[in-house]
């Protein structure tokens, strides 16, 4: 993810961090609690592991997602939302989800 030195609006930087097909879907899956990489792959139909890892790295950089590595064998890694920024973004994603559901219902589309 490339962050510019200058922005004309604070919304632009958030857009840069969330841009892409999968990031908001990843965040939505994490709103229900921590998940491993394998769990996220199973929950998100169509995403490949390379894209998932790349998007998680971007979300960690923006301090929206935490990566927790546990000691021991086998290696266990979990991803979760950060208490501050991650929870705030979930509020916005919930609003967007509501708008999407409303549109789908109005147009006879199924979830």
PDB file of N, CA and C in Angstrom:
ATOM      1  N   UNK A   1       0.853  -1.165   0.000  1.00  0.00           N
ATOM      2  CA  UNK A   1       0.000   0.000   0.000  1.00  0.00           C
ATOM      3  C   UNK A   1       0.897   1.226   0.000  1.00  0.00           C
ATOM      4  N   UNK A   2       0.582   2.138  -0.859  1.00  0.00           N
ATOM      5  CA  UNK A   2       1.394   3.341  -0.977  1.00  0.00           C
ATOM      6  C   UNK A   2       0.619   4.533  -0.411  1.00  0.00           C
ATOM      7  N   UNK A   3       1.202   5.159   0.592  1.00  0.00           N
ATOM      8  CA  UNK A   3       0.580   6.324   1.204  1.00  0.00           C
ATOM      9  C   UNK A   3       1.256   7.569   0.654  1.00  0.00           C
ATOM     10  N   UNK A   4       0.430   8.490   0.197  1.00  0.00           N
ATOM     11  CA  UNK A   4       0.962   9.739  -0.351  1.00  0.00           C
ATOM     12  C   UNK A   4       1.396  10.672   0.776  1.00  0.00           C
ATOM     13  N   UNK A   5       2.182  11.635   0.455  1.00  0.00           N
ATOM     14  CA  UNK A   5       2.632  12.624   1.436  1.00  0.00           C
ATOM     15  C   UNK A   5       1.566  13.683   1.690  1.00  0.00           C
ATOM     16  N   UNK A   6       0.708  13.923   0.685  1.00  0.00           N
ATOM     17  CA  UNK A   6      -0.298  14.980   0.817  1.00  0.00           C
ATOM     18  C   UNK A   6      -1.673  14.456   0.419  1.00  0.00           C
ATOM     19  N   UNK A   7      -2.653  14.900   1.169  1.00  0.00           N
ATOM     20  CA  UNK A   7      -4.050  14.575   0.878  1.00  0.00           C
ATOM     21  C   UNK A   7      -4.857  15.861   0.944  1.00  0.00           C
ATOM     22  N   UNK A   8      -5.904  15.926   0.149  1.00  0.00           N
ATOM     23  CA  UNK A   8      -6.766  17.114   0.167  1.00  0.00           C
ATOM     24  C   UNK A   8      -7.916  16.941   1.147  1.00  0.00           C
ATOM     25  N   UNK A   9      -8.144  15.694   1.600  1.00  0.00           N
ATOM     26  CA  UNK A   9      -9.266  15.397   2.488  1.00  0.00           C
ATOM     27  C   UNK A   9      -8.904  14.169   3.326  1.00  0.00           C
ATOM     28  N   UNK A  10      -9.235  14.156   4.615  1.00  0.00           N
ATOM     29  CA  UNK A  10      -8.929  12.990   5.449  1.00  0.00           C
ATOM     30  C   UNK A  10      -9.578  11.695   4.947  1.00  0.00           C
ATOM     31  N   UNK A  11     -10.706  11.804   4.261  1.00  0.00           N
ATOM     32  CA  UNK A  11     -11.371  10.621   3.729  1.00  0.00           C
ATOM     33  C   UNK A  11     -10.510   9.915   2.682  1.00  0.00           C
ATOM     34  N   UNK A  12      -9.674  10.669   1.991  1.00  0.00           N
ATOM     35  CA  UNK A  12      -8.806  10.078   0.964  1.00  0.00           C
ATOM     36  C   UNK A  12      -7.855   9.041   1.559  1.00  0.00           C
ATOM     37  N   UNK A  13      -7.279   9.333   2.718  1.00  0.00           N
ATOM     38  CA  UNK A  13      -6.323   8.393   3.311  1.00  0.00           C
ATOM     39  C   UNK A  13      -7.035   7.124   3.766  1.00  0.00           C
ATOM     40  N   UNK A  14      -8.253   7.270   4.308  1.00  0.00           N
ATOM     41  CA  UNK A  14      -9.024   6.090   4.703  1.00  0.00           C
ATOM     42  C   UNK A  14      -9.366   5.266   3.459  1.00  0.00           C
ATOM     43  N   UNK A  15      -9.724   5.945   2.399  1.00  0.00           N
ATOM     44  CA  UNK A  15     -10.008   5.247   1.141  1.00  0.00           C
ATOM     45  C   UNK A  15      -8.778   4.498   0.648  1.00  0.00           C
ATOM     46  N   UNK A  16      -7.610   5.112   0.736  1.00  0.00           N
ATOM     47  CA  UNK A  16      -6.381   4.442   0.312  1.00  0.00           C
ATOM     48  C   UNK A  16      -6.138   3.167   1.121  1.00  0.00           C
ATOM     49  N   UNK A  17      -6.403   3.213   2.429  1.00  0.00           N
ATOM     50  CA  UNK A  17      -6.179   2.035   3.267  1.00  0.00           C
ATOM     51  C   UNK A  17      -7.217   0.947   3.045  1.00  0.00           C
ATOM     52  N   UNK A  18      -8.435   1.334   2.732  1.00  0.00           N
ATOM     53  CA  UNK A  18      -9.508   0.346   2.579  1.00  0.00           C
ATOM     54  C   UNK A  18      -9.764  -0.054   1.126  1.00  0.00           C
ATOM     55  N   UNK A  19      -9.055   0.567   0.207  1.00  0.00           N
ATOM     56  CA  UNK A  19      -9.263   0.284  -1.208  1.00  0.00           C
ATOM     57  C   UNK A  19      -8.997  -1.192  -1.506  1.00  0.00           C
ATOM     58  N   UNK A  20      -9.819  -1.737  -2.352  1.00  0.00           N
ATOM     59  CA  UNK A  20      -9.654  -3.122  -2.756  1.00  0.00           C
ATOM     60  C   UNK A  20     -10.919  -3.917  -2.521  1.00  0.00           C
ATOM     61  N   UNK A  21     -10.946  -5.061  -3.115  1.00  0.00           N
ATOM     62  CA  UNK A  21     -12.142  -5.901  -3.089  1.00  0.00           C
ATOM     63  C   UNK A  21     -12.398  -6.545  -1.732  1.00  0.00           C
ATOM     64  N   UNK A  22     -11.350  -6.843  -0.969  1.00  0.00           N
ATOM     65  CA  UNK A  22     -11.507  -7.728   0.182  1.00  0.00           C
ATOM     66  C   UNK A  22     -11.394  -7.079   1.557  1.00  0.00           C
ATOM     67  N   UNK A  23     -10.802  -5.923   1.668  1.00  0.00           N
ATOM     68  CA  UNK A  23     -10.487  -5.378   2.998  1.00  0.00           C
ATOM     69  C   UNK A  23     -11.706  -5.176   3.880  1.00  0.00           C
ATOM     70  N   UNK A  24     -12.774  -4.608   3.340  1.00  0.00           N
ATOM     71  CA  UNK A  24     -13.959  -4.408   4.182  1.00  0.00           C
ATOM     72  C   UNK A  24     -14.605  -5.753   4.536  1.00  0.00           C
ATOM     73  N   UNK A  25     -14.505  -6.733   3.649  1.00  0.00           N
ATOM     74  CA  UNK A  25     -15.040  -8.070   3.930  1.00  0.00           C
ATOM     75  C   UNK A  25     -14.230  -8.726   5.056  1.00  0.00           C
ATOM     76  N   UNK A  26     -12.918  -8.580   5.012  1.00  0.00           N
ATOM     77  CA  UNK A  26     -12.048  -9.115   6.068  1.00  0.00           C
ATOM     78  C   UNK A  26     -12.424  -8.479   7.400  1.00  0.00           C
ATOM     79  N   UNK A  27     -12.560  -7.167   7.420  1.00  0.00           N
ATOM     80  CA  UNK A  27     -12.923  -6.474   8.654  1.00  0.00           C
ATOM     81  C   UNK A  27     -14.277  -6.930   9.175  1.00  0.00           C
ATOM     82  N   UNK A  28     -15.235  -7.104   8.275  1.00  0.00           N
ATOM     83  CA  UNK A  28     -16.565  -7.562   8.681  1.00  0.00           C
ATOM     84  C   UNK A  28     -16.485  -8.947   9.332  1.00  0.00           C
ATOM     85  N   UNK A  29     -15.661  -9.824   8.791  1.00  0.00           N
ATOM     86  CA  UNK A  29     -15.501 -11.161   9.384  1.00  0.00           C
ATOM     87  C   UNK A  29     -14.848 -11.091  10.761  1.00  0.00           C
ATOM     88  N   UNK A  30     -13.967 -10.125  10.960  1.00  0.00           N
ATOM     89  CA  UNK A  30     -13.282  -9.999  12.249  1.00  0.00           C
ATOM     90  C   UNK A  30     -14.146  -9.329  13.316  1.00  0.00           C
ATOM     91  N   UNK A  31     -15.254  -8.739  12.920  1.00  0.00           N
ATOM     92  CA  UNK A  31     -16.102  -8.064  13.909  1.00  0.00           C
ATOM     93  C   UNK A  31     -16.698  -9.052  14.902  1.00  0.00           C
ATOM     94  N   UNK A  32     -16.753 -10.329  14.527  1.00  0.00           N
ATOM     95  CA  UNK A  32     -17.316 -11.361  15.396  1.00  0.00           C
ATOM     96  C   UNK A  32     -16.268 -11.982  16.316  1.00  0.00           C
ATOM     97  N   UNK A  33     -15.028 -11.483  16.268  1.00  0.00           N
ATOM     98  CA  UNK A  33     -13.975 -11.998  17.132  1.00  0.00           C
ATOM     99  C   UNK A  33     -12.760 -12.437  16.340  1.00  0.00           C
ATOM    100  N   UNK A  34     -11.674 -12.773  17.055  1.00  0.00           N
ATOM    101  CA  UNK A  34     -10.420 -13.166  16.402  1.00  0.00           C
ATOM    102  C   UNK A  34     -10.593 -14.393  15.519  1.00  0.00           C
ATOM    103  N   UNK A  35      -9.819 -14.420  14.441  1.00  0.00           N
ATOM    104  CA  UNK A  35      -9.849 -15.554  13.517  1.00  0.00           C
ATOM    105  C   UNK A  35      -8.433 -15.835  13.026  1.00  0.00           C
ATOM    106  N   UNK A  36      -8.194 -17.114  12.735  1.00  0.00           N
ATOM    107  CA  UNK A  36      -6.921 -17.507  12.125  1.00  0.00           C
ATOM    108  C   UNK A  36      -6.995 -17.245  10.623  1.00  0.00           C
ATOM    109  N   UNK A  37      -5.870 -17.352   9.977  1.00  0.00           N
ATOM    110  CA  UNK A  37      -5.808 -17.179   8.529  1.00  0.00           C
ATOM    111  C   UNK A  37      -6.705 -18.217   7.833  1.00  0.00           C
ATOM    112  N   UNK A  38      -6.653 -19.448   8.297  1.00  0.00           N
ATOM    113  CA  UNK A  38      -7.470 -20.514   7.716  1.00  0.00           C
ATOM    114  C   UNK A  38      -8.957 -20.223   7.880  1.00  0.00           C
ATOM    115  N   UNK A  39      -9.360 -19.753   9.059  1.00  0.00           N
ATOM    116  CA  UNK A  39     -10.767 -19.424   9.291  1.00  0.00           C
ATOM    117  C   UNK A  39     -11.232 -18.310   8.365  1.00  0.00           C
ATOM    118  N   UNK A  40     -10.381 -17.299   8.192  1.00  0.00           N
ATOM    119  CA  UNK A  40     -10.736 -16.201   7.295  1.00  0.00           C
ATOM    120  C   UNK A  40     -10.874 -16.690   5.856  1.00  0.00           C
ATOM    121  N   UNK A  41      -9.957 -17.547   5.427  1.00  0.00           N
ATOM    122  CA  UNK A  41     -10.045 -18.101   4.066  1.00  0.00           C
ATOM    123  C   UNK A  41     -11.357 -18.850   3.851  1.00  0.00           C
ATOM    124  N   UNK A  42     -11.792 -19.598   4.851  1.00  0.00           N
ATOM    125  CA  UNK A  42     -13.040 -20.364   4.737  1.00  0.00           C
ATOM    126  C   UNK A  42     -14.265 -19.454   4.727  1.00  0.00           C
ATOM    127  N   UNK A  43     -14.200 -18.347   5.460  1.00  0.00           N
ATOM    128  CA  UNK A  43     -15.342 -17.424   5.567  1.00  0.00           C
ATOM    129  C   UNK A  43     -15.517 -16.557   4.328  1.00  0.00           C
ATOM    130  N   UNK A  44     -14.434 -16.303   3.618  1.00  0.00           N
ATOM    131  CA  UNK A  44     -14.472 -15.352   2.504  1.00  0.00           C
ATOM    132  C   UNK A  44     -14.337 -16.110   1.188  1.00  0.00           C
ATOM    133  N   UNK A  45     -15.460 -16.350   0.564  1.00  0.00           N
ATOM    134  CA  UNK A  45     -15.498 -17.117  -0.682  1.00  0.00           C
ATOM    135  C   UNK A  45     -14.838 -16.306  -1.802  1.00  0.00           C
ATOM    136  N   UNK A  46     -13.868 -16.925  -2.478  1.00  0.00           N
ATOM    137  CA  UNK A  46     -13.242 -16.298  -3.627  1.00  0.00           C
ATOM    138  C   UNK A  46     -11.890 -15.657  -3.362  1.00  0.00           C
ATOM    139  N   UNK A  47     -11.526 -15.474  -2.100  1.00  0.00           N
ATOM    140  CA  UNK A  47     -10.230 -14.850  -1.805  1.00  0.00           C
ATOM    141  C   UNK A  47      -9.146 -15.926  -1.818  1.00  0.00           C
ATOM    142  N   UNK A  48      -7.963 -15.567  -2.303  1.00  0.00           N
ATOM    143  CA  UNK A  48      -6.855 -16.516  -2.231  1.00  0.00           C
ATOM    144  C   UNK A  48      -5.935 -16.103  -1.085  1.00  0.00           C
ATOM    145  N   UNK A  49      -5.098 -17.035  -0.658  1.00  0.00           N
ATOM    146  CA  UNK A  49      -4.261 -16.793   0.518  1.00  0.00           C
ATOM    147  C   UNK A  49      -3.301 -15.617   0.319  1.00  0.00           C
ATOM    148  N   UNK A  50      -2.745 -15.478  -0.871  1.00  0.00           N
ATOM    149  CA  UNK A  50      -1.810 -14.385  -1.142  1.00  0.00           C
ATOM    150  C   UNK A  50      -2.492 -13.028  -0.943  1.00  0.00           C
ATOM    151  N   UNK A  51      -3.689 -12.875  -1.487  1.00  0.00           N
ATOM    152  CA  UNK A  51      -4.427 -11.622  -1.363  1.00  0.00           C
ATOM    153  C   UNK A  51      -4.826 -11.366   0.090  1.00  0.00           C
ATOM    154  N   UNK A  52      -5.246 -12.418   0.784  1.00  0.00           N
ATOM    155  CA  UNK A  52      -5.631 -12.298   2.185  1.00  0.00           C
ATOM    156  C   UNK A  52      -4.454 -11.823   3.033  1.00  0.00           C
ATOM    157  N   UNK A  53      -3.306 -12.424   2.845  1.00  0.00           N
ATOM    158  CA  UNK A  53      -2.113 -12.041   3.608  1.00  0.00           C
ATOM    159  C   UNK A  53      -1.717 -10.599   3.299  1.00  0.00           C
ATOM    160  N   UNK A  54      -1.765 -10.223   2.033  1.00  0.00           N
ATOM    161  CA  UNK A  54      -1.401  -8.858   1.628  1.00  0.00           C
ATOM    162  C   UNK A  54      -2.362  -7.833   2.243  1.00  0.00           C
ATOM    163  N   UNK A  55      -3.662  -8.103   2.159  1.00  0.00           N
ATOM    164  CA  UNK A  55      -4.647  -7.172   2.717  1.00  0.00           C
ATOM    165  C   UNK A  55      -4.555  -7.099   4.240  1.00  0.00           C
ATOM    166  N   UNK A  56      -4.310  -8.223   4.894  1.00  0.00           N
ATOM    167  CA  UNK A  56      -4.130  -8.198   6.351  1.00  0.00           C
ATOM    168  C   UNK A  56      -2.915  -7.354   6.733  1.00  0.00           C
ATOM    169  N   UNK A  57      -1.837  -7.470   5.978  1.00  0.00           N
ATOM    170  CA  UNK A  57      -0.636  -6.662   6.244  1.00  0.00           C
ATOM    171  C   UNK A  57      -0.953  -5.168   6.132  1.00  0.00           C
ATOM    172  N   UNK A  58      -1.724  -4.787   5.116  1.00  0.00           N
ATOM    173  CA  UNK A  58      -2.123  -3.385   4.960  1.00  0.00           C
ATOM    174  C   UNK A  58      -2.971  -2.928   6.140  1.00  0.00           C
ATOM    175  N   UNK A  59      -3.915  -3.750   6.563  1.00  0.00           N
ATOM    176  CA  UNK A  59      -4.803  -3.390   7.671  1.00  0.00           C
ATOM    177  C   UNK A  59      -4.042  -3.314   8.994  1.00  0.00           C
ATOM    178  N   UNK A  60      -3.021  -4.153   9.151  1.00  0.00           N
ATOM    179  CA  UNK A  60      -2.164  -4.085  10.341  1.00  0.00           C
ATOM    180  C   UNK A  60      -1.370  -2.789  10.329  1.00  0.00           C
ATOM    181  N   UNK A  61      -0.851  -2.422   9.166  1.00  0.00           N
ATOM    182  CA  UNK A  61      -0.073  -1.179   9.026  1.00  0.00           C
ATOM    183  C   UNK A  61      -0.917   0.048   9.396  1.00  0.00           C
ATOM    184  N   UNK A  62      -2.179   0.038   9.026  1.00  0.00           N
ATOM    185  CA  UNK A  62      -3.088   1.147   9.327  1.00  0.00           C
ATOM    186  C   UNK A  62      -3.626   1.077  10.759  1.00  0.00           C
ATOM    187  N   UNK A  63      -3.222   0.062  11.503  1.00  0.00           N
ATOM    188  CA  UNK A  63      -3.610  -0.144  12.903  1.00  0.00           C
ATOM    189  C   UNK A  63      -5.113  -0.357  13.067  1.00  0.00           C
ATOM    190  N   UNK A  64      -5.677  -1.125  12.130  1.00  0.00           N
ATOM    191  CA  UNK A  64      -7.081  -1.507  12.188  1.00  0.00           C
ATOM    192  C   UNK A  64      -7.183  -2.948  12.668  1.00  0.00           C
ATOM    193  N   UNK A  65      -6.146  -3.744  12.385  1.00  0.00           N
ATOM    194  CA  UNK A  65      -6.120  -5.161  12.741  1.00  0.00           C
ATOM    195  C   UNK A  65      -4.859  -5.453  13.544  1.00  0.00           C
ATOM    196  N   UNK A  66      -5.010  -6.320  14.553  1.00  0.00           N
ATOM    197  CA  UNK A  66      -3.881  -6.842  15.332  1.00  0.00           C
ATOM    198  C   UNK A  66      -3.537  -8.234  14.841  1.00  0.00           C
ATOM    199  N   UNK A  67      -2.252  -8.562  14.861  1.00  0.00           N
ATOM    200  CA  UNK A  67      -1.793  -9.914  14.576  1.00  0.00           C
ATOM    201  C   UNK A  67      -1.177 -10.449  15.860  1.00  0.00           C
ATOM    202  N   UNK A  68      -1.723 -11.562  16.347  1.00  0.00           N
ATOM    203  CA  UNK A  68      -1.249 -12.139  17.601  1.00  0.00           C
ATOM    204  C   UNK A  68      -0.635 -13.503  17.297  1.00  0.00           C
ATOM    205  N   UNK A  69       0.651 -13.646  17.651  1.00  0.00           N
ATOM    206  CA  UNK A  69       1.359 -14.915  17.477  1.00  0.00           C
ATOM    207  C   UNK A  69       1.466 -15.579  18.839  1.00  0.00           C
ATOM    208  N   UNK A  70       1.044 -16.824  18.906  1.00  0.00           N
ATOM    209  CA  UNK A  70       1.107 -17.581  20.149  1.00  0.00           C
ATOM    210  C   UNK A  70       2.326 -18.487  20.143  1.00  0.00           C
ATOM    211  N   UNK A  71       2.892 -18.689  21.318  1.00  0.00           N
ATOM    212  CA  UNK A  71       4.049 -19.571  21.479  1.00  0.00           C
ATOM    213  C   UNK A  71       3.608 -21.023  21.323  1.00  0.00           C
ATOM    214  N   UNK A  72       4.556 -21.863  20.971  1.00  0.00           N
ATOM    215  CA  UNK A  72       4.286 -23.291  20.941  1.00  0.00           C
ATOM    216  C   UNK A  72       4.183 -23.864  19.548  1.00  0.00           C
ATOM    217  N   UNK A  73       3.912 -25.156  19.546  1.00  0.00           N
ATOM    218  CA  UNK A  73       3.786 -25.880  18.293  1.00  0.00           C
ATOM    219  C   UNK A  73       2.466 -26.622  18.307  1.00  0.00           C
ATOM    220  N   UNK A  74       1.690 -26.611  17.290  1.00  0.00           N
ATOM    221  CA  UNK A  74       1.920 -25.914  16.026  1.00  0.00           C
ATOM    222  C   UNK A  74       1.754 -24.404  16.184  1.00  0.00           C
ATOM    223  N   UNK A  75       2.341 -23.681  15.275  1.00  0.00           N
ATOM    224  CA  UNK A  75       2.278 -22.227  15.276  1.00  0.00           C
ATOM    225  C   UNK A  75       0.823 -21.778  15.189  1.00  0.00           C
ATOM    226  N   UNK A  76       0.440 -20.840  16.039  1.00  0.00           N
ATOM    227  CA  UNK A  76      -0.928 -20.326  16.020  1.00  0.00           C
ATOM    228  C   UNK A  76      -0.873 -18.805  15.892  1.00  0.00           C
ATOM    229  N   UNK A  77      -1.575 -18.284  14.890  1.00  0.00           N
ATOM    230  CA  UNK A  77      -1.647 -16.841  14.654  1.00  0.00           C
ATOM    231  C   UNK A  77      -3.117 -16.468  14.522  1.00  0.00           C
ATOM    232  N   UNK A  78      -3.505 -15.399  15.193  1.00  0.00           N
ATOM    233  CA  UNK A  78      -4.878 -14.909  15.093  1.00  0.00           C
ATOM    234  C   UNK A  78      -4.866 -13.435  14.721  1.00  0.00           C
ATOM    235  N   UNK A  79      -5.921 -13.041  14.037  1.00  0.00           N
ATOM    236  CA  UNK A  79      -6.116 -11.648  13.650  1.00  0.00           C
ATOM    237  C   UNK A  79      -7.381 -11.145  14.328  1.00  0.00           C
ATOM    238  N   UNK A  80      -7.327  -9.905  14.802  1.00  0.00           N
ATOM    239  CA  UNK A  80      -8.496  -9.309  15.453  1.00  0.00           C
ATOM    240  C   UNK A  80      -8.512  -7.813  15.173  1.00  0.00           C
ATOM    241  N   UNK A  81      -9.664  -7.211  15.403  1.00  0.00           N
ATOM    242  CA  UNK A  81      -9.779  -5.761  15.242  1.00  0.00           C
ATOM    243  C   UNK A  81      -9.082  -5.055  16.392  1.00  0.00           C
ATOM    244  N   UNK A  82      -8.499  -3.909  16.109  1.00  0.00           N
ATOM    245  CA  UNK A  82      -7.945  -3.101  17.187  1.00  0.00           C
ATOM    246  C   UNK A  82      -9.098  -2.440  17.935  1.00  0.00           C
ATOM    247  N   UNK A  83      -8.853  -2.143  19.196  1.00  0.00           N
ATOM    248  CA  UNK A  83      -9.910  -1.569  20.038  1.00  0.00           C
ATOM    249  C   UNK A  83     -10.326  -0.187  19.549  1.00  0.00           C
ATOM    250  N   UNK A  84      -9.396   0.583  19.082  1.00  0.00           N
ATOM    251  CA  UNK A  84      -9.708   1.959  18.685  1.00  0.00           C
ATOM    252  C   UNK A  84     -10.193   2.047  17.238  1.00  0.00           C
ATOM    253  N   UNK A  85      -9.272   2.045  16.330  1.00  0.00           N
ATOM    254  CA  UNK A  85      -9.571   2.291  14.921  1.00  0.00           C
ATOM    255  C   UNK A  85     -10.407   1.175  14.298  1.00  0.00           C
ATOM    256  N   UNK A  86     -10.126  -0.056  14.652  1.00  0.00           N
ATOM    257  CA  UNK A  86     -10.864  -1.179  14.087  1.00  0.00           C
ATOM    258  C   UNK A  86     -12.345  -1.116  14.433  1.00  0.00           C
ATOM    259  N   UNK A  87     -12.645  -0.810  15.677  1.00  0.00           N
ATOM    260  CA  UNK A  87     -14.047  -0.729  16.101  1.00  0.00           C
ATOM    261  C   UNK A  87     -14.763   0.454  15.441  1.00  0.00           C
ATOM    262  N   UNK A  88     -14.062   1.563  15.267  1.00  0.00           N
ATOM    263  CA  UNK A  88     -14.672   2.720  14.591  1.00  0.00           C
ATOM    264  C   UNK A  88     -15.019   2.390  13.140  1.00  0.00           C
ATOM    265  N   UNK A  89     -14.121   1.702  12.456  1.00  0.00           N
ATOM    266  CA  UNK A  89     -14.373   1.355  11.065  1.00  0.00           C
ATOM    267  C   UNK A  89     -15.531   0.373  10.956  1.00  0.00           C
ATOM    268  N   UNK A  90     -15.676  -0.516  11.927  1.00  0.00           N
ATOM    269  CA  UNK A  90     -16.799  -1.461  11.913  1.00  0.00           C
ATOM    270  C   UNK A  90     -18.125  -0.713  11.979  1.00  0.00           C
ATOM    271  N   UNK A  91     -18.190   0.368  12.727  1.00  0.00           N
ATOM    272  CA  UNK A  91     -19.419   1.175  12.775  1.00  0.00           C
ATOM    273  C   UNK A  91     -19.784   1.654  11.367  1.00  0.00           C
ATOM    274  N   UNK A  92     -18.796   2.127  10.624  1.00  0.00           N
ATOM    275  CA  UNK A  92     -19.041   2.589   9.252  1.00  0.00           C
ATOM    276  C   UNK A  92     -19.417   1.427   8.339  1.00  0.00           C
ATOM    277  N   UNK A  93     -18.763   0.287   8.494  1.00  0.00           N
ATOM    278  CA  UNK A  93     -19.065  -0.882   7.668  1.00  0.00           C
ATOM    279  C   UNK A  93     -20.485  -1.375   7.939  1.00  0.00           C
ATOM    280  N   UNK A  94     -20.923  -1.309   9.192  1.00  0.00           N
ATOM    281  CA  UNK A  94     -22.301  -1.707   9.512  1.00  0.00           C
ATOM    282  C   UNK A  94     -23.311  -0.821   8.792  1.00  0.00           C
ATOM    283  N   UNK A  95     -23.028   0.464   8.703  1.00  0.00           N
ATOM    284  CA  UNK A  95     -23.916   1.382   7.978  1.00  0.00           C
ATOM    285  C   UNK A  95     -23.930   1.028   6.495  1.00  0.00           C
ATOM    286  N   UNK A  96     -22.766   0.776   5.917  1.00  0.00           N
ATOM    287  CA  UNK A  96     -22.684   0.393   4.505  1.00  0.00           C
ATOM    288  C   UNK A  96     -23.416  -0.930   4.251  1.00  0.00           C
ATOM    289  N   UNK A  97     -23.287  -1.868   5.173  1.00  0.00           N
ATOM    290  CA  UNK A  97     -23.988  -3.152   5.045  1.00  0.00           C
ATOM    291  C   UNK A  97     -25.492  -2.932   5.042  1.00  0.00           C
ATOM    292  N   UNK A  98     -25.968  -2.071   5.909  1.00  0.00           N
ATOM    293  CA  UNK A  98     -27.395  -1.772   5.988  1.00  0.00           C
ATOM    294  C   UNK A  98     -27.906  -1.175   4.673  1.00  0.00           C
ATOM    295  N   UNK A  99     -27.149  -0.274   4.095  1.00  0.00           N
ATOM    296  CA  UNK A  99     -27.528   0.327   2.816  1.00  0.00           C
ATOM    297  C   UNK A  99     -27.566  -0.742   1.722  1.00  0.00           C
ATOM    298  N   UNK A 100     -26.590  -1.639   1.724  1.00  0.00           N
ATOM    299  CA  UNK A 100     -26.554  -2.718   0.742  1.00  0.00           C
ATOM    300  C   UNK A 100     -27.753  -3.643   0.869  1.00  0.00           C
ATOM    301  N   UNK A 101     -28.109  -4.020   2.092  1.00  0.00           N
ATOM    302  CA  UNK A 101     -29.282  -4.877   2.322  1.00  0.00           C
ATOM    303  C   UNK A 101     -30.554  -4.194   1.837  1.00  0.00           C
ATOM    304  N   UNK A 102     -30.678  -2.922   2.155  1.00  0.00           N
ATOM    305  CA  UNK A 102     -31.850  -2.149   1.734  1.00  0.00           C
ATOM    306  C   UNK A 102     -31.977  -2.154   0.208  1.00  0.00           C
ATOM    307  N   UNK A 103     -30.877  -1.899  -0.471  1.00  0.00           N
ATOM    308  CA  UNK A 103     -30.872  -1.881  -1.938  1.00  0.00           C
ATOM    309  C   UNK A 103     -31.253  -3.246  -2.503  1.00  0.00           C
ATOM    310  N   UNK A 104     -30.673  -4.293  -1.941  1.00  0.00           N
ATOM    311  CA  UNK A 104     -30.947  -5.644  -2.422  1.00  0.00           C
ATOM    312  C   UNK A 104     -32.424  -6.002  -2.240  1.00  0.00           C
ATOM    313  N   UNK A 105     -32.989  -5.653  -1.088  1.00  0.00           N
ATOM    314  CA  UNK A 105     -34.405  -5.922  -0.831  1.00  0.00           C
ATOM    315  C   UNK A 105     -35.300  -5.160  -1.803  1.00  0.00           C
ATOM    316  N   UNK A 106     -34.975  -3.911  -2.065  1.00  0.00           N
ATOM    317  CA  UNK A 106     -35.760  -3.090  -2.975  1.00  0.00           C
ATOM    318  C   UNK A 106     -35.739  -3.613  -4.407  1.00  0.00           C
ATOM    319  N   UNK A 107     -34.655  -4.307  -4.754  1.00  0.00           N
ATOM    320  CA  UNK A 107     -34.473  -4.767  -6.130  1.00  0.00           C
ATOM    321  C   UNK A 107     -34.617  -6.281  -6.281  1.00  0.00           C
ATOM    322  N   UNK A 108     -35.210  -6.919  -5.290  1.00  0.00           N
ATOM    323  CA  UNK A 108     -35.487  -8.348  -5.373  1.00  0.00           C
ATOM    324  C   UNK A 108     -34.282  -9.233  -5.427  1.00  0.00           C
ATOM    325  N   UNK A 109     -33.184  -8.789  -4.853  1.00  0.00           N
ATOM    326  CA  UNK A 109     -31.956  -9.570  -4.849  1.00  0.00           C
ATOM    327  C   UNK A 109     -31.861 -10.354  -3.557  1.00  0.00           C
ATOM    328  N   UNK A 110     -31.221 -11.527  -3.618  1.00  0.00           N
ATOM    329  CA  UNK A 110     -31.073 -12.367  -2.432  1.00  0.00           C
ATOM    330  C   UNK A 110     -29.664 -12.248  -1.876  1.00  0.00           C
ATOM    331  N   UNK A 111     -29.575 -12.378  -0.569  1.00  0.00           N
ATOM    332  CA  UNK A 111     -28.280 -12.314   0.117  1.00  0.00           C
ATOM    333  C   UNK A 111     -27.671 -13.697   0.134  1.00  0.00           C
TER     334      UNK A 111
END
